[in-house]
């Protein structure tokens, strides 16, 4: 009788330990899933932000290319003369400027 009693106590203790072990494993999986869910949301936000920043970068790169081209054209004397004539209405000797209203 004593052996059956200790055997049943051991089984109960073993069952209790197994339940505790599975509970700990379940808690670990729940925590891991929750963390993965939160990180996937953050990753999605960061990917969207990266897309927007890449678009802004492309626009700024195009603007920089245009300004570089404009700066290189400023070394050309003919272009400078044309620019001065347009912007400040500079005329050569003997020329007349007529303003036509829009």
PDB file of N, CA and C in Angstrom:
ATOM      1  N   UNK A   1       0.818  -1.186   0.000  1.00  0.00           N
ATOM      2  CA  UNK A   1       0.000   0.000   0.000  1.00  0.00           C
ATOM      3  C   UNK A   1       0.871   1.263   0.000  1.00  0.00           C
ATOM      4  N   UNK A   2       1.976   1.196   0.724  1.00  0.00           N
ATOM      5  CA  UNK A   2       2.844   2.342   0.802  1.00  0.00           C
ATOM      6  C   UNK A   2       3.449   2.664  -0.565  1.00  0.00           C
ATOM      7  N   UNK A   3       3.777   1.609  -1.309  1.00  0.00           N
ATOM      8  CA  UNK A   3       4.363   1.804  -2.621  1.00  0.00           C
ATOM      9  C   UNK A   3       3.378   2.440  -3.582  1.00  0.00           C
ATOM     10  N   UNK A   4       2.130   2.025  -3.547  1.00  0.00           N
ATOM     11  CA  UNK A   4       1.123   2.601  -4.438  1.00  0.00           C
ATOM     12  C   UNK A   4       0.866   4.052  -4.079  1.00  0.00           C
ATOM     13  N   UNK A   5       0.943   4.324  -2.784  1.00  0.00           N
ATOM     14  CA  UNK A   5       0.722   5.690  -2.329  1.00  0.00           C
ATOM     15  C   UNK A   5       1.873   6.592  -2.810  1.00  0.00           C
ATOM     16  N   UNK A   6       3.108   6.181  -2.654  1.00  0.00           N
ATOM     17  CA  UNK A   6       4.252   6.983  -3.111  1.00  0.00           C
ATOM     18  C   UNK A   6       4.272   7.059  -4.624  1.00  0.00           C
ATOM     19  N   UNK A   7       3.844   5.987  -5.254  1.00  0.00           N
ATOM     20  CA  UNK A   7       3.791   5.982  -6.718  1.00  0.00           C
ATOM     21  C   UNK A   7       2.761   6.991  -7.218  1.00  0.00           C
ATOM     22  N   UNK A   8       1.587   7.044  -6.563  1.00  0.00           N
ATOM     23  CA  UNK A   8       0.570   8.016  -6.989  1.00  0.00           C
ATOM     24  C   UNK A   8       1.014   9.444  -6.673  1.00  0.00           C
ATOM     25  N   UNK A   9       1.741   9.640  -5.571  1.00  0.00           N
ATOM     26  CA  UNK A   9       2.252  10.970  -5.236  1.00  0.00           C
ATOM     27  C   UNK A   9       3.295  11.389  -6.264  1.00  0.00           C
ATOM     28  N   UNK A  10       4.163  10.462  -6.659  1.00  0.00           N
ATOM     29  CA  UNK A  10       5.174  10.760  -7.667  1.00  0.00           C
ATOM     30  C   UNK A  10       4.524  11.125  -9.003  1.00  0.00           C
ATOM     31  N   UNK A  11       3.463  10.388  -9.350  1.00  0.00           N
ATOM     32  CA  UNK A  11       2.764  10.687 -10.612  1.00  0.00           C
ATOM     33  C   UNK A  11       2.107  12.059 -10.557  1.00  0.00           C
ATOM     34  N   UNK A  12       1.512  12.373  -9.411  1.00  0.00           N
ATOM     35  CA  UNK A  12       0.897  13.692  -9.268  1.00  0.00           C
ATOM     36  C   UNK A  12       1.958  14.776  -9.364  1.00  0.00           C
ATOM     37  N   UNK A  13       3.087  14.571  -8.729  1.00  0.00           N
ATOM     38  CA  UNK A  13       4.180  15.539  -8.789  1.00  0.00           C
ATOM     39  C   UNK A  13       4.731  15.660 -10.208  1.00  0.00           C
ATOM     40  N   UNK A  14       4.822  14.514 -10.869  1.00  0.00           N
ATOM     41  CA  UNK A  14       5.313  14.528 -12.251  1.00  0.00           C
ATOM     42  C   UNK A  14       4.334  15.268 -13.157  1.00  0.00           C
ATOM     43  N   UNK A  15       3.058  15.028 -12.980  1.00  0.00           N
ATOM     44  CA  UNK A  15       2.034  15.720 -13.767  1.00  0.00           C
ATOM     45  C   UNK A  15       2.088  17.222 -13.504  1.00  0.00           C
ATOM     46  N   UNK A  16       2.238  17.574 -12.222  1.00  0.00           N
ATOM     47  CA  UNK A  16       2.315  18.980 -11.851  1.00  0.00           C
ATOM     48  C   UNK A  16       3.525  19.646 -12.517  1.00  0.00           C
ATOM     49  N   UNK A  17       4.678  18.973 -12.505  1.00  0.00           N
ATOM     50  CA  UNK A  17       5.873  19.517 -13.149  1.00  0.00           C
ATOM     51  C   UNK A  17       5.678  19.641 -14.664  1.00  0.00           C
ATOM     52  N   UNK A  18       5.036  18.651 -15.264  1.00  0.00           N
ATOM     53  CA  UNK A  18       4.788  18.696 -16.711  1.00  0.00           C
ATOM     54  C   UNK A  18       3.844  19.854 -17.058  1.00  0.00           C
ATOM     55  N   UNK A  19       2.812  20.042 -16.250  1.00  0.00           N
ATOM     56  CA  UNK A  19       1.883  21.153 -16.484  1.00  0.00           C
ATOM     57  C   UNK A  19       2.612  22.489 -16.368  1.00  0.00           C
ATOM     58  N   UNK A  20       3.440  22.610 -15.349  1.00  0.00           N
ATOM     59  CA  UNK A  20       4.215  23.835 -15.162  1.00  0.00           C
ATOM     60  C   UNK A  20       5.158  24.060 -16.349  1.00  0.00           C
ATOM     61  N   UNK A  21       5.818  22.984 -16.778  1.00  0.00           N
ATOM     62  CA  UNK A  21       6.718  23.083 -17.928  1.00  0.00           C
ATOM     63  C   UNK A  21       5.954  23.544 -19.172  1.00  0.00           C
ATOM     64  N   UNK A  22       4.811  22.939 -19.460  1.00  0.00           N
ATOM     65  CA  UNK A  22       4.027  23.332 -20.635  1.00  0.00           C
ATOM     66  C   UNK A  22       3.468  24.744 -20.502  1.00  0.00           C
ATOM     67  N   UNK A  23       3.119  25.139 -19.289  1.00  0.00           N
ATOM     68  CA  UNK A  23       2.653  26.502 -19.058  1.00  0.00           C
ATOM     69  C   UNK A  23       3.767  27.508 -19.356  1.00  0.00           C
ATOM     70  N   UNK A  24       4.974  27.204 -18.891  1.00  0.00           N
ATOM     71  CA  UNK A  24       6.113  28.086 -19.170  1.00  0.00           C
ATOM     72  C   UNK A  24       6.371  28.149 -20.675  1.00  0.00           C
ATOM     73  N   UNK A  25       6.325  27.023 -21.361  1.00  0.00           N
ATOM     74  CA  UNK A  25       6.519  26.988 -22.815  1.00  0.00           C
ATOM     75  C   UNK A  25       5.419  27.801 -23.509  1.00  0.00           C
ATOM     76  N   UNK A  26       4.178  27.649 -23.062  1.00  0.00           N
ATOM     77  CA  UNK A  26       3.068  28.408 -23.643  1.00  0.00           C
ATOM     78  C   UNK A  26       3.276  29.903 -23.443  1.00  0.00           C
ATOM     79  N   UNK A  27       3.683  30.310 -22.249  1.00  0.00           N
ATOM     80  CA  UNK A  27       3.952  31.732 -21.983  1.00  0.00           C
ATOM     81  C   UNK A  27       5.069  32.248 -22.885  1.00  0.00           C
ATOM     82  N   UNK A  28       6.106  31.440 -23.084  1.00  0.00           N
ATOM     83  CA  UNK A  28       7.203  31.829 -23.967  1.00  0.00           C
ATOM     84  C   UNK A  28       6.707  32.043 -25.393  1.00  0.00           C
ATOM     85  N   UNK A  29       5.881  31.135 -25.912  1.00  0.00           N
ATOM     86  CA  UNK A  29       5.360  31.273 -27.272  1.00  0.00           C
ATOM     87  C   UNK A  29       4.435  32.479 -27.405  1.00  0.00           C
ATOM     88  N   UNK A  30       3.624  32.729 -26.404  1.00  0.00           N
ATOM     89  CA  UNK A  30       2.746  33.898 -26.433  1.00  0.00           C
ATOM     90  C   UNK A  30       3.583  35.173 -26.442  1.00  0.00           C
ATOM     91  N   UNK A  31       4.604  35.247 -25.586  1.00  0.00           N
ATOM     92  CA  UNK A  31       5.479  36.417 -25.540  1.00  0.00           C
ATOM     93  C   UNK A  31       6.212  36.604 -26.864  1.00  0.00           C
ATOM     94  N   UNK A  32       6.713  35.512 -27.439  1.00  0.00           N
ATOM     95  CA  UNK A  32       7.421  35.573 -28.714  1.00  0.00           C
ATOM     96  C   UNK A  32       6.489  36.052 -29.828  1.00  0.00           C
ATOM     97  N   UNK A  33       5.278  35.541 -29.863  1.00  0.00           N
ATOM     98  CA  UNK A  33       4.309  35.950 -30.894  1.00  0.00           C
ATOM     99  C   UNK A  33       3.950  37.418 -30.755  1.00  0.00           C
ATOM    100  N   UNK A  34       3.737  37.869 -29.544  1.00  0.00           N
ATOM    101  CA  UNK A  34       3.398  39.271 -29.294  1.00  0.00           C
ATOM    102  C   UNK A  34       4.544  40.183 -29.726  1.00  0.00           C
ATOM    103  N   UNK A  35       5.764  39.820 -29.370  1.00  0.00           N
ATOM    104  CA  UNK A  35       6.934  40.610 -29.758  1.00  0.00           C
ATOM    105  C   UNK A  35       7.081  40.642 -31.274  1.00  0.00           C
ATOM    106  N   UNK A  36       6.900  39.509 -31.922  1.00  0.00           N
ATOM    107  CA  UNK A  36       6.984  39.439 -33.383  1.00  0.00           C
ATOM    108  C   UNK A  36       5.917  40.315 -34.030  1.00  0.00           C
ATOM    109  N   UNK A  37       4.715  40.306 -33.472  1.00  0.00           N
ATOM    110  CA  UNK A  37       3.630  41.137 -33.997  1.00  0.00           C
ATOM    111  C   UNK A  37       3.983  42.622 -33.889  1.00  0.00           C
ATOM    112  N   UNK A  38       4.488  43.041 -32.742  1.00  0.00           N
ATOM    113  CA  UNK A  38       4.861  44.451 -32.550  1.00  0.00           C
ATOM    114  C   UNK A  38       5.997  44.847 -33.481  1.00  0.00           C
ATOM    115  N   UNK A  39       6.982  43.987 -33.623  1.00  0.00           N
ATOM    116  CA  UNK A  39       8.123  44.313 -34.471  1.00  0.00           C
ATOM    117  C   UNK A  39       7.735  44.345 -35.949  1.00  0.00           C
ATOM    118  N   UNK A  40       6.797  43.521 -36.358  1.00  0.00           N
ATOM    119  CA  UNK A  40       6.369  43.558 -37.756  1.00  0.00           C
ATOM    120  C   UNK A  40       5.656  44.873 -38.054  1.00  0.00           C
ATOM    121  N   UNK A  41       4.909  45.400 -37.090  1.00  0.00           N
ATOM    122  CA  UNK A  41       4.274  46.705 -37.267  1.00  0.00           C
ATOM    123  C   UNK A  41       5.304  47.809 -37.388  1.00  0.00           C
ATOM    124  N   UNK A  42       6.315  47.778 -36.537  1.00  0.00           N
ATOM    125  CA  UNK A  42       7.393  48.778 -36.596  1.00  0.00           C
ATOM    126  C   UNK A  42       8.149  48.662 -37.917  1.00  0.00           C
ATOM    127  N   UNK A  43       8.397  47.444 -38.357  1.00  0.00           N
ATOM    128  CA  UNK A  43       9.105  47.226 -39.618  1.00  0.00           C
ATOM    129  C   UNK A  43       8.300  47.782 -40.789  1.00  0.00           C
ATOM    130  N   UNK A  44       6.998  47.599 -40.746  1.00  0.00           N
ATOM    131  CA  UNK A  44       6.132  48.130 -41.794  1.00  0.00           C
ATOM    132  C   UNK A  44       6.202  49.649 -41.833  1.00  0.00           C
ATOM    133  N   UNK A  45       6.178  50.287 -40.655  1.00  0.00           N
ATOM    134  CA  UNK A  45       6.282  51.748 -40.591  1.00  0.00           C
ATOM    135  C   UNK A  45       7.612  52.225 -41.150  1.00  0.00           C
ATOM    136  N   UNK A  46       8.677  51.535 -40.775  1.00  0.00           N
ATOM    137  CA  UNK A  46      10.014  51.922 -41.228  1.00  0.00           C
ATOM    138  C   UNK A  46      10.155  51.743 -42.740  1.00  0.00           C
ATOM    139  N   UNK A  47       9.547  50.701 -43.309  1.00  0.00           N
ATOM    140  CA  UNK A  47       9.606  50.501 -44.758  1.00  0.00           C
ATOM    141  C   UNK A  47       8.863  51.614 -45.483  1.00  0.00           C
ATOM    142  N   UNK A  48       7.724  52.024 -44.951  1.00  0.00           N
ATOM    143  CA  UNK A  48       6.971  53.127 -45.552  1.00  0.00           C
ATOM    144  C   UNK A  48       7.781  54.415 -45.476  1.00  0.00           C
ATOM    145  N   UNK A  49       8.382  54.672 -44.319  1.00  0.00           N
ATOM    146  CA  UNK A  49       9.201  55.865 -44.144  1.00  0.00           C
ATOM    147  C   UNK A  49      10.409  55.839 -45.080  1.00  0.00           C
ATOM    148  N   UNK A  50      10.998  54.665 -45.277  1.00  0.00           N
ATOM    149  CA  UNK A  50      12.131  54.530 -46.186  1.00  0.00           C
ATOM    150  C   UNK A  50      11.715  54.842 -47.614  1.00  0.00           C
ATOM    151  N   UNK A  51      10.545  54.393 -48.029  1.00  0.00           N
ATOM    152  CA  UNK A  51      10.045  54.693 -49.368  1.00  0.00           C
ATOM    153  C   UNK A  51       9.872  56.188 -49.585  1.00  0.00           C
ATOM    154  N   UNK A  52       9.302  56.860 -48.594  1.00  0.00           N
ATOM    155  CA  UNK A  52       9.104  58.314 -48.691  1.00  0.00           C
ATOM    156  C   UNK A  52      10.451  59.020 -48.768  1.00  0.00           C
ATOM    157  N   UNK A  53      11.395  58.604 -47.941  1.00  0.00           N
ATOM    158  CA  UNK A  53      12.715  59.232 -47.939  1.00  0.00           C
ATOM    159  C   UNK A  53      13.465  58.983 -49.244  1.00  0.00           C
ATOM    160  N   UNK A  54      13.275  57.810 -49.849  1.00  0.00           N
ATOM    161  CA  UNK A  54      13.903  57.536 -51.146  1.00  0.00           C
ATOM    162  C   UNK A  54      13.327  58.446 -52.223  1.00  0.00           C
ATOM    163  N   UNK A  55      12.006  58.677 -52.169  1.00  0.00           N
ATOM    164  CA  UNK A  55      11.395  59.592 -53.136  1.00  0.00           C
ATOM    165  C   UNK A  55      11.931  61.003 -52.952  1.00  0.00           C
ATOM    166  N   UNK A  56      12.021  61.451 -51.709  1.00  0.00           N
ATOM    167  CA  UNK A  56      12.559  62.787 -51.434  1.00  0.00           C
ATOM    168  C   UNK A  56      14.010  62.878 -51.900  1.00  0.00           C
ATOM    169  N   UNK A  57      14.751  61.815 -51.684  1.00  0.00           N
ATOM    170  CA  UNK A  57      16.150  61.783 -52.104  1.00  0.00           C
ATOM    171  C   UNK A  57      16.266  61.882 -53.623  1.00  0.00           C
ATOM    172  N   UNK A  58      15.386  61.199 -54.347  1.00  0.00           N
ATOM    173  CA  UNK A  58      15.413  61.255 -55.804  1.00  0.00           C
ATOM    174  C   UNK A  58      15.100  62.669 -56.294  1.00  0.00           C
ATOM    175  N   UNK A  59      14.120  63.321 -55.666  1.00  0.00           N
ATOM    176  CA  UNK A  59      13.768  64.692 -56.050  1.00  0.00           C
ATOM    177  C   UNK A  59      14.942  65.632 -55.776  1.00  0.00           C
ATOM    178  N   UNK A  60      15.550  65.492 -54.605  1.00  0.00           N
ATOM    179  CA  UNK A  60      16.684  66.356 -54.261  1.00  0.00           C
ATOM    180  C   UNK A  60      17.888  66.086 -55.154  1.00  0.00           C
ATOM    181  N   UNK A  61      18.086  64.828 -55.532  1.00  0.00           N
ATOM    182  CA  UNK A  61      19.191  64.498 -56.446  1.00  0.00           C
ATOM    183  C   UNK A  61      18.963  65.141 -57.810  1.00  0.00           C
ATOM    184  N   UNK A  62      17.715  65.114 -58.282  1.00  0.00           N
ATOM    185  CA  UNK A  62      17.394  65.748 -59.564  1.00  0.00           C
ATOM    186  C   UNK A  62      17.623  67.253 -59.482  1.00  0.00           C
ATOM    187  N   UNK A  63      17.224  67.846 -58.367  1.00  0.00           N
ATOM    188  CA  UNK A  63      17.423  69.282 -58.170  1.00  0.00           C
ATOM    189  C   UNK A  63      18.912  69.614 -58.145  1.00  0.00           C
ATOM    190  N   UNK A  64      19.693  68.777 -57.471  1.00  0.00           N
ATOM    191  CA  UNK A  64      21.134  68.999 -57.428  1.00  0.00           C
ATOM    192  C   UNK A  64      21.744  68.877 -58.824  1.00  0.00           C
ATOM    193  N   UNK A  65      21.303  67.904 -59.601  1.00  0.00           N
ATOM    194  CA  UNK A  65      21.805  67.753 -60.965  1.00  0.00           C
ATOM    195  C   UNK A  65      21.479  68.980 -61.810  1.00  0.00           C
ATOM    196  N   UNK A  66      20.246  69.496 -61.657  1.00  0.00           N
ATOM    197  CA  UNK A  66      19.851  70.695 -62.395  1.00  0.00           C
ATOM    198  C   UNK A  66      20.706  71.889 -62.000  1.00  0.00           C
ATOM    199  N   UNK A  67      20.949  72.051 -60.710  1.00  0.00           N
ATOM    200  CA  UNK A  67      21.763  73.172 -60.241  1.00  0.00           C
ATOM    201  C   UNK A  67      23.226  73.034 -60.689  1.00  0.00           C
ATOM    202  N   UNK A  68      23.721  71.817 -60.724  1.00  0.00           N
ATOM    203  CA  UNK A  68      25.085  71.586 -61.198  1.00  0.00           C
ATOM    204  C   UNK A  68      25.194  71.947 -62.674  1.00  0.00           C
ATOM    205  N   UNK A  69      24.180  71.557 -63.436  1.00  0.00           N
ATOM    206  CA  UNK A  69      24.164  71.894 -64.862  1.00  0.00           C
ATOM    207  C   UNK A  69      24.097  73.412 -65.041  1.00  0.00           C
ATOM    208  N   UNK A  70      23.236  74.061 -64.263  1.00  0.00           N
ATOM    209  CA  UNK A  70      23.101  75.524 -64.336  1.00  0.00           C
ATOM    210  C   UNK A  70      24.427  76.200 -63.968  1.00  0.00           C
ATOM    211  N   UNK A  71      25.103  75.691 -62.955  1.00  0.00           N
ATOM    212  CA  UNK A  71      26.385  76.264 -62.540  1.00  0.00           C
ATOM    213  C   UNK A  71      27.439  76.088 -63.627  1.00  0.00           C
ATOM    214  N   UNK A  72      27.414  74.947 -64.298  1.00  0.00           N
ATOM    215  CA  UNK A  72      28.382  74.740 -65.381  1.00  0.00           C
ATOM    216  C   UNK A  72      28.099  75.665 -66.561  1.00  0.00           C
ATOM    217  N   UNK A  73      26.831  75.979 -66.773  1.00  0.00           N
ATOM    218  CA  UNK A  73      26.477  76.901 -67.872  1.00  0.00           C
ATOM    219  C   UNK A  73      26.891  78.333 -67.556  1.00  0.00           C
ATOM    220  N   UNK A  74      27.027  78.671 -66.284  1.00  0.00           N
ATOM    221  CA  UNK A  74      27.424  80.030 -65.915  1.00  0.00           C
ATOM    222  C   UNK A  74      28.862  80.342 -66.323  1.00  0.00           C
ATOM    223  N   UNK A  75      29.625  79.331 -66.686  1.00  0.00           N
ATOM    224  CA  UNK A  75      30.983  79.558 -67.178  1.00  0.00           C
ATOM    225  C   UNK A  75      31.002  79.959 -68.657  1.00  0.00           C
ATOM    226  N   UNK A  76      29.881  79.816 -69.333  1.00  0.00           N
ATOM    227  CA  UNK A  76      29.776  80.154 -70.762  1.00  0.00           C
ATOM    228  C   UNK A  76      29.401  81.636 -70.903  1.00  0.00           C
ATOM    229  N   UNK A  77      30.203  82.386 -71.607  1.00  0.00           N
ATOM    230  CA  UNK A  77      29.989  83.836 -71.763  1.00  0.00           C
ATOM    231  C   UNK A  77      28.698  84.144 -72.527  1.00  0.00           C
ATOM    232  N   UNK A  78      28.383  83.383 -73.549  1.00  0.00           N
ATOM    233  CA  UNK A  78      27.155  83.621 -74.318  1.00  0.00           C
ATOM    234  C   UNK A  78      25.917  83.411 -73.451  1.00  0.00           C
ATOM    235  N   UNK A  79      25.942  82.371 -72.648  1.00  0.00           N
ATOM    236  CA  UNK A  79      24.802  82.109 -71.765  1.00  0.00           C
ATOM    237  C   UNK A  79      24.657  83.230 -70.736  1.00  0.00           C
ATOM    238  N   UNK A  80      25.778  83.689 -70.188  1.00  0.00           N
ATOM    239  CA  UNK A  80      25.725  84.791 -69.217  1.00  0.00           C
ATOM    240  C   UNK A  80      25.139  86.052 -69.845  1.00  0.00           C
ATOM    241  N   UNK A  81      25.548  86.353 -71.083  1.00  0.00           N
ATOM    242  CA  UNK A  81      25.029  87.536 -71.755  1.00  0.00           C
ATOM    243  C   UNK A  81      23.526  87.402 -71.967  1.00  0.00           C
ATOM    244  N   UNK A  82      23.077  86.224 -72.361  1.00  0.00           N
ATOM    245  CA  UNK A  82      21.638  85.996 -72.570  1.00  0.00           C
ATOM    246  C   UNK A  82      20.875  86.124 -71.251  1.00  0.00           C
ATOM    247  N   UNK A  83      21.446  85.596 -70.200  1.00  0.00           N
ATOM    248  CA  UNK A  83      20.821  85.657 -68.883  1.00  0.00           C
ATOM    249  C   UNK A  83      20.699  87.098 -68.392  1.00  0.00           C
ATOM    250  N   UNK A  84      21.731  87.873 -68.565  1.00  0.00           N
ATOM    251  CA  UNK A  84      21.707  89.277 -68.142  1.00  0.00           C
ATOM    252  C   UNK A  84      20.683  90.049 -68.950  1.00  0.00           C
ATOM    253  N   UNK A  85      20.601  89.775 -70.220  1.00  0.00           N
ATOM    254  CA  UNK A  85      19.635  90.481 -71.067  1.00  0.00           C
ATOM    255  C   UNK A  85      18.199  90.159 -70.651  1.00  0.00           C
ATOM    256  N   UNK A  86      17.961  88.932 -70.269  1.00  0.00           N
ATOM    257  CA  UNK A  86      16.602  88.547 -69.881  1.00  0.00           C
ATOM    258  C   UNK A  86      16.231  89.077 -68.496  1.00  0.00           C
ATOM    259  N   UNK A  87      17.122  88.919 -67.543  1.00  0.00           N
ATOM    260  CA  UNK A  87      16.785  89.230 -66.157  1.00  0.00           C
ATOM    261  C   UNK A  87      16.802  90.717 -65.831  1.00  0.00           C
ATOM    262  N   UNK A  88      17.805  91.415 -66.281  1.00  0.00           N
ATOM    263  CA  UNK A  88      17.879  92.835 -65.904  1.00  0.00           C
ATOM    264  C   UNK A  88      17.703  93.755 -67.103  1.00  0.00           C
ATOM    265  N   UNK A  89      17.221  93.189 -68.192  1.00  0.00           N
ATOM    266  CA  UNK A  89      16.904  93.947 -69.410  1.00  0.00           C
ATOM    267  C   UNK A  89      18.113  94.765 -69.893  1.00  0.00           C
ATOM    268  N   UNK A  90      19.265  94.147 -69.850  1.00  0.00           N
ATOM    269  CA  UNK A  90      20.491  94.778 -70.326  1.00  0.00           C
ATOM    270  C   UNK A  90      20.480  94.774 -71.851  1.00  0.00           C
ATOM    271  N   UNK A  91      20.869  95.860 -72.450  1.00  0.00           N
ATOM    272  CA  UNK A  91      20.869  95.945 -73.917  1.00  0.00           C
ATOM    273  C   UNK A  91      22.261  96.257 -74.424  1.00  0.00           C
ATOM    274  N   UNK A  92      22.481  95.817 -75.650  1.00  0.00           N
ATOM    275  CA  UNK A  92      23.719  96.185 -76.329  1.00  0.00           C
ATOM    276  C   UNK A  92      23.533  97.592 -76.887  1.00  0.00           C
ATOM    277  N   UNK A  93      24.631  98.189 -77.252  1.00  0.00           N
ATOM    278  CA  UNK A  93      24.559  99.543 -77.778  1.00  0.00           C
ATOM    279  C   UNK A  93      23.773  99.538 -79.088  1.00  0.00           C
ATOM    280  N   UNK A  94      22.795 100.420 -79.159  1.00  0.00           N
ATOM    281  CA  UNK A  94      21.972 100.539 -80.360  1.00  0.00           C
ATOM    282  C   UNK A  94      20.715  99.687 -80.328  1.00  0.00           C
ATOM    283  N   UNK A  95      20.503  98.868 -79.300  1.00  0.00           N
ATOM    284  CA  UNK A  95      19.299  98.034 -79.211  1.00  0.00           C
ATOM    285  C   UNK A  95      18.226  98.761 -78.419  1.00  0.00           C
ATOM    286  N   UNK A  96      16.983  98.434 -78.725  1.00  0.00           N
ATOM    287  CA  UNK A  96      15.839  98.964 -77.976  1.00  0.00           C
ATOM    288  C   UNK A  96      15.034  97.786 -77.437  1.00  0.00           C
ATOM    289  N   UNK A  97      14.498  97.972 -76.260  1.00  0.00           N
ATOM    290  CA  UNK A  97      13.679  96.915 -75.653  1.00  0.00           C
ATOM    291  C   UNK A  97      12.233  97.413 -75.647  1.00  0.00           C
ATOM    292  N   UNK A  98      11.359  96.562 -76.129  1.00  0.00           N
ATOM    293  CA  UNK A  98       9.924  96.861 -76.129  1.00  0.00           C
ATOM    294  C   UNK A  98       9.257  95.875 -75.210  1.00  0.00           C
ATOM    295  N   UNK A  99       8.521  96.370 -74.253  1.00  0.00           N
ATOM    296  CA  UNK A  99       7.790  95.511 -73.310  1.00  0.00           C
ATOM    297  C   UNK A  99       6.372  95.314 -73.830  1.00  0.00           C
ATOM    298  N   UNK A 100       5.992  94.077 -73.961  1.00  0.00           N
ATOM    299  CA  UNK A 100       4.646  93.728 -74.427  1.00  0.00           C
ATOM    300  C   UNK A 100       3.888  93.167 -73.238  1.00  0.00           C
ATOM    301  N   UNK A 101       2.781  93.808 -72.845  1.00  0.00           N
ATOM    302  CA  UNK A 101       1.998  93.291 -71.726  1.00  0.00           C
ATOM    303  C   UNK A 101       1.363  91.938 -72.069  1.00  0.00           C
ATOM    304  N   UNK A 102       1.178  91.143 -71.070  1.00  0.00           N
ATOM    305  CA  UNK A 102       0.579  89.805 -71.287  1.00  0.00           C
ATOM    306  C   UNK A 102      -0.881  89.893 -71.564  1.00  0.00           C
TER     307      UNK A 102
END
